[in-house]
Amino acid sequence: SRAGSWDNRHRVIEFRELFRGTIDQAAVHPREVVRNAIACNAAAVIFCHNHPSGIAEPSAADEVITCQLVQALALISVRVLDHLIVGDGICVSLAERGLLPAVCPPAGETHRG
């Protein structure tokens, strides 16, 4: 998983790998994402990760972690602009699909309801 950090004028501050996963999952720790955003003084972030299966469709787990990251970063006034998923030459934007939550649903529910 990678994250791009942006300033308040949406200029790139940095783009770095934050987590490395296995063939079917990656452990993403919101506190590390928050720490990185603070360290580079980010005003906004864009997340990006690949699906080794080649299927770029967002999973329920992708929606859950995106929601957790939106909530964690909101506490320090950092906006999540998008979460991109890449698979088999295709890139899916959660923002374009309307799956980037402004407010997250209660625990146990996905954004799709």
PDB file of N, CA and C in Angstrom:
ATOM      1  N   SER A   1       0.845  -1.183   0.000  1.00  0.00           N
ATOM      2  CA  SER A   1       0.000   0.000   0.000  1.00  0.00           C
ATOM      3  C   SER A   1       0.883   1.236   0.000  1.00  0.00           C
ATOM      4  N   ARG A   2       0.495   2.195  -0.777  1.00  0.00           N
ATOM      5  CA  ARG A   2       1.242   3.442  -0.892  1.00  0.00           C
ATOM      6  C   ARG A   2       0.330   4.612  -0.543  1.00  0.00           C
ATOM      7  N   ALA A   3       0.953   5.704  -0.178  1.00  0.00           N
ATOM      8  CA  ALA A   3       0.191   6.916   0.114  1.00  0.00           C
ATOM      9  C   ALA A   3       0.903   8.108  -0.493  1.00  0.00           C
ATOM     10  N   GLY A   4       0.129   8.953  -1.133  1.00  0.00           N
ATOM     11  CA  GLY A   4       0.633  10.225  -1.614  1.00  0.00           C
ATOM     12  C   GLY A   4       0.166  11.293  -0.646  1.00  0.00           C
ATOM     13  N   SER A   5       1.079  12.150  -0.240  1.00  0.00           N
ATOM     14  CA  SER A   5       0.742  13.241   0.684  1.00  0.00           C
ATOM     15  C   SER A   5       0.761  14.551  -0.092  1.00  0.00           C
ATOM     16  N   TRP A   6      -0.233  15.398   0.180  1.00  0.00           N
ATOM     17  CA  TRP A   6      -0.434  16.627  -0.582  1.00  0.00           C
ATOM     18  C   TRP A   6      -0.531  17.813   0.365  1.00  0.00           C
ATOM     19  N   ASP A   7      -0.099  18.981  -0.111  1.00  0.00           N
ATOM     20  CA  ASP A   7      -0.249  20.179   0.712  1.00  0.00           C
ATOM     21  C   ASP A   7      -1.648  20.754   0.493  1.00  0.00           C
ATOM     22  N   ASN A   8      -1.921  21.914   1.086  1.00  0.00           N
ATOM     23  CA  ASN A   8      -3.274  22.473   1.008  1.00  0.00           C
ATOM     24  C   ASN A   8      -3.626  23.034  -0.372  1.00  0.00           C
ATOM     25  N   ARG A   9      -2.644  23.094  -1.274  1.00  0.00           N
ATOM     26  CA  ARG A   9      -2.906  23.500  -2.662  1.00  0.00           C
ATOM     27  C   ARG A   9      -2.857  22.292  -3.597  1.00  0.00           C
ATOM     28  N   HIS A  10      -2.887  21.095  -2.998  1.00  0.00           N
ATOM     29  CA  HIS A  10      -2.865  19.811  -3.713  1.00  0.00           C
ATOM     30  C   HIS A  10      -1.602  19.616  -4.544  1.00  0.00           C
ATOM     31  N   ARG A  11      -0.487  20.093  -4.007  1.00  0.00           N
ATOM     32  CA  ARG A  11       0.824  19.804  -4.593  1.00  0.00           C
ATOM     33  C   ARG A  11       1.410  18.623  -3.840  1.00  0.00           C
ATOM     34  N   VAL A  12       2.042  17.713  -4.571  1.00  0.00           N
ATOM     35  CA  VAL A  12       2.604  16.513  -3.959  1.00  0.00           C
ATOM     36  C   VAL A  12       3.747  16.873  -3.015  1.00  0.00           C
ATOM     37  N   ILE A  13       3.663  16.355  -1.795  1.00  0.00           N
ATOM     38  CA  ILE A  13       4.753  16.479  -0.827  1.00  0.00           C
ATOM     39  C   ILE A  13       5.637  15.249  -0.932  1.00  0.00           C
ATOM     40  N   GLU A  14       5.011  14.080  -0.915  1.00  0.00           N
ATOM     41  CA  GLU A  14       5.757  12.830  -1.061  1.00  0.00           C
ATOM     42  C   GLU A  14       4.807  11.717  -1.478  1.00  0.00           C
ATOM     43  N   PHE A  15       5.406  10.654  -1.996  1.00  0.00           N
ATOM     44  CA  PHE A  15       4.666   9.448  -2.352  1.00  0.00           C
ATOM     45  C   PHE A  15       5.519   8.297  -1.872  1.00  0.00           C
ATOM     46  N   ARG A  16       4.989   7.497  -0.958  1.00  0.00           N
ATOM     47  CA  ARG A  16       5.818   6.439  -0.383  1.00  0.00           C
ATOM     48  C   ARG A  16       5.031   5.179  -0.095  1.00  0.00           C
ATOM     49  N   GLU A  17       5.768   4.071  -0.054  1.00  0.00           N
ATOM     50  CA  GLU A  17       5.179   2.801   0.348  1.00  0.00           C
ATOM     51  C   GLU A  17       5.069   2.804   1.861  1.00  0.00           C
ATOM     52  N   LEU A  18       3.870   2.514   2.362  1.00  0.00           N
ATOM     53  CA  LEU A  18       3.661   2.474   3.806  1.00  0.00           C
ATOM     54  C   LEU A  18       3.594   1.048   4.331  1.00  0.00           C
ATOM     55  N   PHE A  19       2.997   0.151   3.545  1.00  0.00           N
ATOM     56  CA  PHE A  19       2.820  -1.230   3.991  1.00  0.00           C
ATOM     57  C   PHE A  19       3.039  -2.168   2.820  1.00  0.00           C
ATOM     58  N   ARG A  20       3.552  -3.351   3.135  1.00  0.00           N
ATOM     59  CA  ARG A  20       3.737  -4.389   2.123  1.00  0.00           C
ATOM     60  C   ARG A  20       2.918  -5.591   2.558  1.00  0.00           C
ATOM     61  N   GLY A  21       2.163  -6.137   1.624  1.00  0.00           N
ATOM     62  CA  GLY A  21       1.273  -7.241   1.961  1.00  0.00           C
ATOM     63  C   GLY A  21       1.716  -8.565   1.384  1.00  0.00           C
ATOM     64  N   THR A  22       0.847  -9.549   1.572  1.00  0.00           N
ATOM     65  CA  THR A  22       1.056 -10.881   1.022  1.00  0.00           C
ATOM     66  C   THR A  22       0.206 -11.007  -0.239  1.00  0.00           C
ATOM     67  N   ILE A  23       0.066 -12.198  -0.730  1.00  0.00           N
ATOM     68  CA  ILE A  23      -0.696 -12.426  -1.952  1.00  0.00           C
ATOM     69  C   ILE A  23      -2.171 -12.055  -1.810  1.00  0.00           C
ATOM     70  N   ASP A  24      -2.707 -12.112  -0.576  1.00  0.00           N
ATOM     71  CA  ASP A  24      -4.141 -11.852  -0.427  1.00  0.00           C
ATOM     72  C   ASP A  24      -4.520 -10.846   0.653  1.00  0.00           C
ATOM     73  N   GLN A  25      -3.534 -10.204   1.283  1.00  0.00           N
ATOM     74  CA  GLN A  25      -3.890  -9.188   2.274  1.00  0.00           C
ATOM     75  C   GLN A  25      -2.681  -8.330   2.651  1.00  0.00           C
ATOM     76  N   ALA A  26      -2.973  -7.177   3.201  1.00  0.00           N
ATOM     77  CA  ALA A  26      -1.938  -6.285   3.730  1.00  0.00           C
ATOM     78  C   ALA A  26      -2.464  -5.701   5.031  1.00  0.00           C
ATOM     79  N   ALA A  27      -1.644  -5.723   6.046  1.00  0.00           N
ATOM     80  CA  ALA A  27      -2.025  -5.131   7.331  1.00  0.00           C
ATOM     81  C   ALA A  27      -1.741  -3.631   7.262  1.00  0.00           C
ATOM     82  N   VAL A  28      -2.791  -2.837   7.366  1.00  0.00           N
ATOM     83  CA  VAL A  28      -2.666  -1.383   7.331  1.00  0.00           C
ATOM     84  C   VAL A  28      -2.999  -0.865   8.718  1.00  0.00           C
ATOM     85  N   HIS A  29      -2.092  -0.086   9.290  1.00  0.00           N
ATOM     86  CA  HIS A  29      -2.263   0.428  10.646  1.00  0.00           C
ATOM     87  C   HIS A  29      -2.535   1.930  10.589  1.00  0.00           C
ATOM     88  N   PRO A  30      -3.766   2.352  10.905  1.00  0.00           N
ATOM     89  CA  PRO A  30      -4.107   3.768  10.841  1.00  0.00           C
ATOM     90  C   PRO A  30      -3.147   4.671  11.606  1.00  0.00           C
ATOM     91  N   ARG A  31      -2.633   4.226  12.740  1.00  0.00           N
ATOM     92  CA  ARG A  31      -1.722   5.097  13.500  1.00  0.00           C
ATOM     93  C   ARG A  31      -0.455   5.397  12.714  1.00  0.00           C
ATOM     94  N   GLU A  32       0.022   4.439  11.898  1.00  0.00           N
ATOM     95  CA  GLU A  32       1.210   4.679  11.070  1.00  0.00           C
ATOM     96  C   GLU A  32       0.894   5.653   9.940  1.00  0.00           C
ATOM     97  N   VAL A  33      -0.299   5.546   9.398  1.00  0.00           N
ATOM     98  CA  VAL A  33      -0.723   6.470   8.349  1.00  0.00           C
ATOM     99  C   VAL A  33      -0.814   7.883   8.916  1.00  0.00           C
ATOM    100  N   VAL A  34      -1.408   8.015  10.097  1.00  0.00           N
ATOM    101  CA  VAL A  34      -1.509   9.324  10.755  1.00  0.00           C
ATOM    102  C   VAL A  34      -0.116   9.873  11.056  1.00  0.00           C
ATOM    103  N   ARG A  35       0.758   9.025  11.568  1.00  0.00           N
ATOM    104  CA  ARG A  35       2.132   9.451  11.880  1.00  0.00           C
ATOM    105  C   ARG A  35       2.828   9.985  10.630  1.00  0.00           C
ATOM    106  N   ASN A  36       2.673   9.290   9.511  1.00  0.00           N
ATOM    107  CA  ASN A  36       3.301   9.724   8.267  1.00  0.00           C
ATOM    108  C   ASN A  36       2.718  11.053   7.794  1.00  0.00           C
ATOM    109  N   ALA A  37       1.401  11.217   7.892  1.00  0.00           N
ATOM    110  CA  ALA A  37       0.756  12.464   7.473  1.00  0.00           C
ATOM    111  C   ALA A  37       1.248  13.644   8.304  1.00  0.00           C
ATOM    112  N   ILE A  38       1.403  13.425   9.595  1.00  0.00           N
ATOM    113  CA  ILE A  38       1.911  14.484  10.472  1.00  0.00           C
ATOM    114  C   ILE A  38       3.364  14.798  10.139  1.00  0.00           C
ATOM    115  N   ALA A  39       4.168  13.751   9.935  1.00  0.00           N
ATOM    116  CA  ALA A  39       5.604  13.933   9.680  1.00  0.00           C
ATOM    117  C   ALA A  39       5.866  14.775   8.433  1.00  0.00           C
ATOM    118  N   CYS A  40       5.024  14.645   7.418  1.00  0.00           N
ATOM    119  CA  CYS A  40       5.269  15.425   6.200  1.00  0.00           C
ATOM    120  C   CYS A  40       4.323  16.623   6.086  1.00  0.00           C
ATOM    121  N   ASN A  41       3.598  16.908   7.163  1.00  0.00           N
ATOM    122  CA  ASN A  41       2.711  18.069   7.220  1.00  0.00           C
ATOM    123  C   ASN A  41       1.673  18.054   6.093  1.00  0.00           C
ATOM    124  N   ALA A  42       1.085  16.890   5.869  1.00  0.00           N
ATOM    125  CA  ALA A  42       0.106  16.734   4.789  1.00  0.00           C
ATOM    126  C   ALA A  42      -1.223  17.387   5.144  1.00  0.00           C
ATOM    127  N   ALA A  43      -1.855  17.965   4.136  1.00  0.00           N
ATOM    128  CA  ALA A  43      -3.216  18.486   4.273  1.00  0.00           C
ATOM    129  C   ALA A  43      -4.215  17.484   3.709  1.00  0.00           C
ATOM    130  N   ALA A  44      -3.726  16.596   2.837  1.00  0.00           N
ATOM    131  CA  ALA A  44      -4.581  15.594   2.203  1.00  0.00           C
ATOM    132  C   ALA A  44      -3.731  14.400   1.787  1.00  0.00           C
ATOM    133  N   VAL A  45      -4.388  13.263   1.589  1.00  0.00           N
ATOM    134  CA  VAL A  45      -3.688  12.056   1.143  1.00  0.00           C
ATOM    135  C   VAL A  45      -4.520  11.327   0.091  1.00  0.00           C
ATOM    136  N   ILE A  46      -3.826  10.549  -0.719  1.00  0.00           N
ATOM    137  CA  ILE A  46      -4.450   9.614  -1.650  1.00  0.00           C
ATOM    138  C   ILE A  46      -3.785   8.274  -1.406  1.00  0.00           C
ATOM    139  N   PHE A  47      -4.589   7.244  -1.204  1.00  0.00           N
ATOM    140  CA  PHE A  47      -4.059   5.897  -0.990  1.00  0.00           C
ATOM    141  C   PHE A  47      -4.122   5.113  -2.286  1.00  0.00           C
ATOM    142  N   CYS A  48      -3.212   4.173  -2.431  1.00  0.00           N
ATOM    143  CA  CYS A  48      -3.164   3.339  -3.617  1.00  0.00           C
ATOM    144  C   CYS A  48      -2.624   1.974  -3.229  1.00  0.00           C
ATOM    145  N   HIS A  49      -3.285   0.926  -3.697  1.00  0.00           N
ATOM    146  CA  HIS A  49      -2.737  -0.416  -3.505  1.00  0.00           C
ATOM    147  C   HIS A  49      -3.166  -1.299  -4.665  1.00  0.00           C
ATOM    148  N   ASN A  50      -2.475  -2.414  -4.808  1.00  0.00           N
ATOM    149  CA  ASN A  50      -2.808  -3.323  -5.893  1.00  0.00           C
ATOM    150  C   ASN A  50      -3.513  -4.557  -5.364  1.00  0.00           C
ATOM    151  N   HIS A  51      -4.228  -5.204  -6.248  1.00  0.00           N
ATOM    152  CA  HIS A  51      -4.819  -6.509  -5.974  1.00  0.00           C
ATOM    153  C   HIS A  51      -4.074  -7.515  -6.851  1.00  0.00           C
ATOM    154  N   PRO A  52      -3.199  -8.324  -6.250  1.00  0.00           N
ATOM    155  CA  PRO A  52      -2.431  -9.292  -7.042  1.00  0.00           C
ATOM    156  C   PRO A  52      -3.309 -10.251  -7.844  1.00  0.00           C
ATOM    157  N   SER A  53      -4.550 -10.425  -7.435  1.00  0.00           N
ATOM    158  CA  SER A  53      -5.472 -11.301  -8.171  1.00  0.00           C
ATOM    159  C   SER A  53      -5.773 -10.746  -9.556  1.00  0.00           C
ATOM    160  N   GLY A  54      -5.506  -9.447  -9.746  1.00  0.00           N
ATOM    161  CA  GLY A  54      -5.816  -8.796 -11.010  1.00  0.00           C
ATOM    162  C   GLY A  54      -7.196  -8.172 -11.041  1.00  0.00           C
ATOM    163  N   ILE A  55      -8.009  -8.445 -10.031  1.00  0.00           N
ATOM    164  CA  ILE A  55      -9.365  -7.890  -9.963  1.00  0.00           C
ATOM    165  C   ILE A  55      -9.307  -6.587  -9.171  1.00  0.00           C
ATOM    166  N   ALA A  56      -9.548  -5.482  -9.847  1.00  0.00           N
ATOM    167  CA  ALA A  56      -9.391  -4.169  -9.216  1.00  0.00           C
ATOM    168  C   ALA A  56     -10.613  -3.715  -8.428  1.00  0.00           C
ATOM    169  N   GLU A  57     -11.653  -4.512  -8.386  1.00  0.00           N
ATOM    170  CA  GLU A  57     -12.855  -4.127  -7.649  1.00  0.00           C
ATOM    171  C   GLU A  57     -12.565  -4.021  -6.153  1.00  0.00           C
ATOM    172  N   PRO A  58     -13.062  -2.962  -5.493  1.00  0.00           N
ATOM    173  CA  PRO A  58     -12.844  -2.817  -4.058  1.00  0.00           C
ATOM    174  C   PRO A  58     -13.575  -3.900  -3.268  1.00  0.00           C
ATOM    175  N   SER A  59     -12.879  -4.464  -2.309  1.00  0.00           N
ATOM    176  CA  SER A  59     -13.473  -5.480  -1.437  1.00  0.00           C
ATOM    177  C   SER A  59     -14.125  -4.801  -0.235  1.00  0.00           C
ATOM    178  N   ALA A  60     -14.886  -5.569   0.523  1.00  0.00           N
ATOM    179  CA  ALA A  60     -15.464  -5.044   1.762  1.00  0.00           C
ATOM    180  C   ALA A  60     -14.351  -4.595   2.697  1.00  0.00           C
ATOM    181  N   ALA A  61     -13.241  -5.351   2.735  1.00  0.00           N
ATOM    182  CA  ALA A  61     -12.099  -4.971   3.584  1.00  0.00           C
ATOM    183  C   ALA A  61     -11.499  -3.643   3.128  1.00  0.00           C
ATOM    184  N   ASP A  62     -11.450  -3.402   1.822  1.00  0.00           N
ATOM    185  CA  ASP A  62     -10.953  -2.117   1.308  1.00  0.00           C
ATOM    186  C   ASP A  62     -11.835  -0.974   1.797  1.00  0.00           C
ATOM    187  N   GLU A  63     -13.138  -1.177   1.770  1.00  0.00           N
ATOM    188  CA  GLU A  63     -14.061  -0.137   2.226  1.00  0.00           C
ATOM    189  C   GLU A  63     -13.921   0.114   3.723  1.00  0.00           C
ATOM    190  N   VAL A  64     -13.742  -0.953   4.494  1.00  0.00           N
ATOM    191  CA  VAL A  64     -13.604  -0.813   5.952  1.00  0.00           C
ATOM    192  C   VAL A  64     -12.338  -0.043   6.297  1.00  0.00           C
ATOM    193  N   ILE A  65     -11.191  -0.419   5.714  1.00  0.00           N
ATOM    194  CA  ILE A  65      -9.941   0.270   6.061  1.00  0.00           C
ATOM    195  C   ILE A  65      -9.976   1.711   5.561  1.00  0.00           C
ATOM    196  N   THR A  66     -10.600   1.951   4.417  1.00  0.00           N
ATOM    197  CA  THR A  66     -10.715   3.324   3.928  1.00  0.00           C
ATOM    198  C   THR A  66     -11.496   4.165   4.925  1.00  0.00           C
ATOM    199  N   CYS A  67     -12.578   3.629   5.436  1.00  0.00           N
ATOM    200  CA  CYS A  67     -13.388   4.329   6.429  1.00  0.00           C
ATOM    201  C   CYS A  67     -12.576   4.612   7.693  1.00  0.00           C
ATOM    202  N   GLN A  68     -11.827   3.619   8.155  1.00  0.00           N
ATOM    203  CA  GLN A  68     -10.994   3.803   9.349  1.00  0.00           C
ATOM    204  C   GLN A  68      -9.951   4.891   9.120  1.00  0.00           C
ATOM    205  N   LEU A  69      -9.369   4.913   7.929  1.00  0.00           N
ATOM    206  CA  LEU A  69      -8.361   5.930   7.625  1.00  0.00           C
ATOM    207  C   LEU A  69      -8.983   7.316   7.519  1.00  0.00           C
ATOM    208  N   VAL A  70     -10.168   7.406   6.908  1.00  0.00           N
ATOM    209  CA  VAL A  70     -10.872   8.692   6.829  1.00  0.00           C
ATOM    210  C   VAL A  70     -11.134   9.222   8.235  1.00  0.00           C
ATOM    211  N   GLN A  71     -11.622   8.355   9.123  1.00  0.00           N
ATOM    212  CA  GLN A  71     -11.913   8.771  10.504  1.00  0.00           C
ATOM    213  C   GLN A  71     -10.649   9.197  11.243  1.00  0.00           C
ATOM    214  N   ALA A  72      -9.597   8.397  11.141  1.00  0.00           N
ATOM    215  CA  ALA A  72      -8.354   8.699  11.863  1.00  0.00           C
ATOM    216  C   ALA A  72      -7.746  10.007  11.376  1.00  0.00           C
ATOM    217  N   LEU A  73      -7.705  10.199  10.074  1.00  0.00           N
ATOM    218  CA  LEU A  73      -7.092  11.408   9.527  1.00  0.00           C
ATOM    219  C   LEU A  73      -7.956  12.645   9.754  1.00  0.00           C
ATOM    220  N   ALA A  74      -9.265  12.477   9.832  1.00  0.00           N
ATOM    221  CA  ALA A  74     -10.149  13.615  10.107  1.00  0.00           C
ATOM    222  C   ALA A  74      -9.833  14.240  11.462  1.00  0.00           C
ATOM    223  N   LEU A  75      -9.381  13.427  12.394  1.00  0.00           N
ATOM    224  CA  LEU A  75      -9.037  13.935  13.728  1.00  0.00           C
ATOM    225  C   LEU A  75      -7.893  14.941  13.695  1.00  0.00           C
ATOM    226  N   ILE A  76      -7.056  14.852  12.657  1.00  0.00           N
ATOM    227  CA  ILE A  76      -5.938  15.798  12.538  1.00  0.00           C
ATOM    228  C   ILE A  76      -6.118  16.702  11.316  1.00  0.00           C
ATOM    229  N   SER A  77      -7.362  16.802  10.842  1.00  0.00           N
ATOM    230  CA  SER A  77      -7.740  17.683   9.727  1.00  0.00           C
ATOM    231  C   SER A  77      -6.998  17.385   8.428  1.00  0.00           C
ATOM    232  N   VAL A  78      -6.780  16.111   8.151  1.00  0.00           N
ATOM    233  CA  VAL A  78      -6.188  15.684   6.883  1.00  0.00           C
ATOM    234  C   VAL A  78      -7.287  14.998   6.081  1.00  0.00           C
ATOM    235  N   ARG A  79      -7.516  15.470   4.860  1.00  0.00           N
ATOM    236  CA  ARG A  79      -8.565  14.915   4.005  1.00  0.00           C
ATOM    237  C   ARG A  79      -8.045  13.736   3.193  1.00  0.00           C
ATOM    238  N   VAL A  80      -8.885  12.737   3.015  1.00  0.00           N
ATOM    239  CA  VAL A  80      -8.582  11.628   2.112  1.00  0.00           C
ATOM    240  C   VAL A  80      -9.246  11.969   0.782  1.00  0.00           C
ATOM    241  N   LEU A  81      -8.426  12.213  -0.243  1.00  0.00           N
ATOM    242  CA  LEU A  81      -8.952  12.607  -1.546  1.00  0.00           C
ATOM    243  C   LEU A  81      -9.418  11.412  -2.370  1.00  0.00           C
ATOM    244  N   ASP A  82      -8.734  10.274  -2.204  1.00  0.00           N
ATOM    245  CA  ASP A  82      -9.114   9.091  -2.973  1.00  0.00           C
ATOM    246  C   ASP A  82      -8.391   7.869  -2.435  1.00  0.00           C
ATOM    247  N   HIS A  83      -8.882   6.722  -2.822  1.00  0.00           N
ATOM    248  CA  HIS A  83      -8.227   5.431  -2.574  1.00  0.00           C
ATOM    249  C   HIS A  83      -8.312   4.701  -3.902  1.00  0.00           C
ATOM    250  N   LEU A  84      -7.162   4.447  -4.508  1.00  0.00           N
ATOM    251  CA  LEU A  84      -7.079   3.815  -5.817  1.00  0.00           C
ATOM    252  C   LEU A  84      -6.695   2.356  -5.665  1.00  0.00           C
ATOM    253  N   ILE A  85      -7.339   1.499  -6.441  1.00  0.00           N
ATOM    254  CA  ILE A  85      -7.018   0.073  -6.434  1.00  0.00           C
ATOM    255  C   ILE A  85      -6.645  -0.316  -7.859  1.00  0.00           C
ATOM    256  N   VAL A  86      -5.469  -0.942  -7.983  1.00  0.00           N
ATOM    257  CA  VAL A  86      -4.938  -1.317  -9.287  1.00  0.00           C
ATOM    258  C   VAL A  86      -4.932  -2.829  -9.415  1.00  0.00           C
ATOM    259  N   GLY A  87      -5.376  -3.312 -10.555  1.00  0.00           N
ATOM    260  CA  GLY A  87      -5.343  -4.743 -10.833  1.00  0.00           C
ATOM    261  C   GLY A  87      -5.451  -4.997 -12.322  1.00  0.00           C
ATOM    262  N   ASP A  88      -4.551  -5.781 -12.855  1.00  0.00           N
ATOM    263  CA  ASP A  88      -4.569  -6.189 -14.262  1.00  0.00           C
ATOM    264  C   ASP A  88      -4.700  -4.999 -15.210  1.00  0.00           C
ATOM    265  N   GLY A  89      -3.916  -3.945 -14.961  1.00  0.00           N
ATOM    266  CA  GLY A  89      -3.903  -2.785 -15.835  1.00  0.00           C
ATOM    267  C   GLY A  89      -5.087  -1.853 -15.684  1.00  0.00           C
ATOM    268  N   ILE A  90      -5.937  -2.104 -14.705  1.00  0.00           N
ATOM    269  CA  ILE A  90      -7.119  -1.271 -14.463  1.00  0.00           C
ATOM    270  C   ILE A  90      -6.958  -0.572 -13.118  1.00  0.00           C
ATOM    271  N   CYS A  91      -7.383   0.683 -13.064  1.00  0.00           N
ATOM    272  CA  CYS A  91      -7.328   1.440 -11.812  1.00  0.00           C
ATOM    273  C   CYS A  91      -8.751   1.866 -11.451  1.00  0.00           C
ATOM    274  N   VAL A  92      -9.175   1.497 -10.247  1.00  0.00           N
ATOM    275  CA  VAL A  92     -10.507   1.857  -9.763  1.00  0.00           C
ATOM    276  C   VAL A  92     -10.359   2.917  -8.672  1.00  0.00           C
ATOM    277  N   SER A  93     -11.107   3.997  -8.807  1.00  0.00           N
ATOM    278  CA  SER A  93     -11.120   5.086  -7.837  1.00  0.00           C
ATOM    279  C   SER A  93     -12.346   4.956  -6.947  1.00  0.00           C
ATOM    280  N   LEU A  94     -12.126   4.824  -5.632  1.00  0.00           N
ATOM    281  CA  LEU A  94     -13.259   4.775  -4.713  1.00  0.00           C
ATOM    282  C   LEU A  94     -14.021   6.094  -4.735  1.00  0.00           C
ATOM    283  N   ALA A  95     -13.317   7.210  -4.917  1.00  0.00           N
ATOM    284  CA  ALA A  95     -13.981   8.513  -4.976  1.00  0.00           C
ATOM    285  C   ALA A  95     -14.915   8.582  -6.185  1.00  0.00           C
ATOM    286  N   GLU A  96     -14.442   8.143  -7.357  1.00  0.00           N
ATOM    287  CA  GLU A  96     -15.277   8.176  -8.556  1.00  0.00           C
ATOM    288  C   GLU A  96     -16.486   7.259  -8.435  1.00  0.00           C
ATOM    289  N   ARG A  97     -16.333   6.178  -7.694  1.00  0.00           N
ATOM    290  CA  ARG A  97     -17.435   5.230  -7.508  1.00  0.00           C
ATOM    291  C   ARG A  97     -18.394   5.662  -6.395  1.00  0.00           C
ATOM    292  N   GLY A  98     -18.083   6.758  -5.717  1.00  0.00           N
ATOM    293  CA  GLY A  98     -18.930   7.204  -4.619  1.00  0.00           C
ATOM    294  C   GLY A  98     -18.759   6.381  -3.360  1.00  0.00           C
ATOM    295  N   LEU A  99     -17.617   5.694  -3.248  1.00  0.00           N
ATOM    296  CA  LEU A  99     -17.365   4.825  -2.098  1.00  0.00           C
ATOM    297  C   LEU A  99     -16.400   5.437  -1.093  1.00  0.00           C
ATOM    298  N   LEU A 100     -16.015   6.678  -1.310  1.00  0.00           N
ATOM    299  CA  LEU A 100     -15.130   7.349  -0.364  1.00  0.00           C
ATOM    300  C   LEU A 100     -16.016   8.052   0.650  1.00  0.00           C
ATOM    301  N   PRO A 101     -16.086   7.515   1.863  1.00  0.00           N
ATOM    302  CA  PRO A 101     -17.046   8.049   2.831  1.00  0.00           C
ATOM    303  C   PRO A 101     -16.628   9.399   3.406  1.00  0.00           C
ATOM    304  N   ALA A 102     -17.589  10.292   3.509  1.00  0.00           N
ATOM    305  CA  ALA A 102     -17.367  11.538   4.240  1.00  0.00           C
ATOM    306  C   ALA A 102     -17.588  11.255   5.720  1.00  0.00           C
ATOM    307  N   VAL A 103     -18.619  10.467   5.993  1.00  0.00           N
ATOM    308  CA  VAL A 103     -18.918  10.003   7.343  1.00  0.00           C
ATOM    309  C   VAL A 103     -19.092   8.501   7.243  1.00  0.00           C
ATOM    310  N   CYS A 104     -18.454   7.774   8.122  1.00  0.00           N
ATOM    311  CA  CYS A 104     -18.466   6.317   8.043  1.00  0.00           C
ATOM    312  C   CYS A 104     -19.687   5.728   8.736  1.00  0.00           C
ATOM    313  N   PRO A 105     -20.165   4.594   8.202  1.00  0.00           N
ATOM    314  CA  PRO A 105     -21.294   3.905   8.835  1.00  0.00           C
ATOM    315  C   PRO A 105     -20.875   3.256  10.148  1.00  0.00           C
ATOM    316  N   PRO A 106     -21.824   2.819  10.954  1.00  0.00           N
ATOM    317  CA  PRO A 106     -21.489   2.132  12.208  1.00  0.00           C
ATOM    318  C   PRO A 106     -20.633   0.896  11.956  1.00  0.00           C
ATOM    319  N   ALA A 107     -19.849   0.508  12.949  1.00  0.00           N
ATOM    320  CA  ALA A 107     -18.974  -0.660  12.837  1.00  0.00           C
ATOM    321  C   ALA A 107     -19.773  -1.872  12.390  1.00  0.00           C
ATOM    322  N   GLY A 108     -19.170  -2.654  11.511  1.00  0.00           N
ATOM    323  CA  GLY A 108     -19.821  -3.862  11.037  1.00  0.00           C
ATOM    324  C   GLY A 108     -20.610  -3.679   9.751  1.00  0.00           C
ATOM    325  N   GLU A 109     -20.856  -2.439   9.346  1.00  0.00           N
ATOM    326  CA  GLU A 109     -21.569  -2.178   8.100  1.00  0.00           C
ATOM    327  C   GLU A 109     -20.581  -1.632   7.082  1.00  0.00           C
ATOM    328  N   THR A 110     -20.802  -1.935   5.809  1.00  0.00           N
ATOM    329  CA  THR A 110     -19.973  -1.350   4.767  1.00  0.00           C
ATOM    330  C   THR A 110     -20.645  -0.088   4.266  1.00  0.00           C
ATOM    331  N   HIS A 111     -19.906   0.709   3.511  1.00  0.00           N
ATOM    332  CA  HIS A 111     -20.424   1.963   2.971  1.00  0.00           C
ATOM    333  C   HIS A 111     -21.616   1.714   2.051  1.00  0.00           C
ATOM    334  N   ARG A 112     -21.645   0.562   1.403  1.00  0.00           N
ATOM    335  CA  ARG A 112     -22.727   0.255   0.468  1.00  0.00           C
ATOM    336  C   ARG A 112     -24.026  -0.083   1.187  1.00  0.00           C
ATOM    337  N   GLY A 113     -23.951  -0.294   2.543  1.00  0.00           N
ATOM    338  CA  GLY A 113     -25.156  -0.569   3.311  1.00  0.00           C
ATOM    339  C   GLY A 113     -25.520  -1.986   3.196  1.00  0.00           C
TER     340      GLY A 113
END
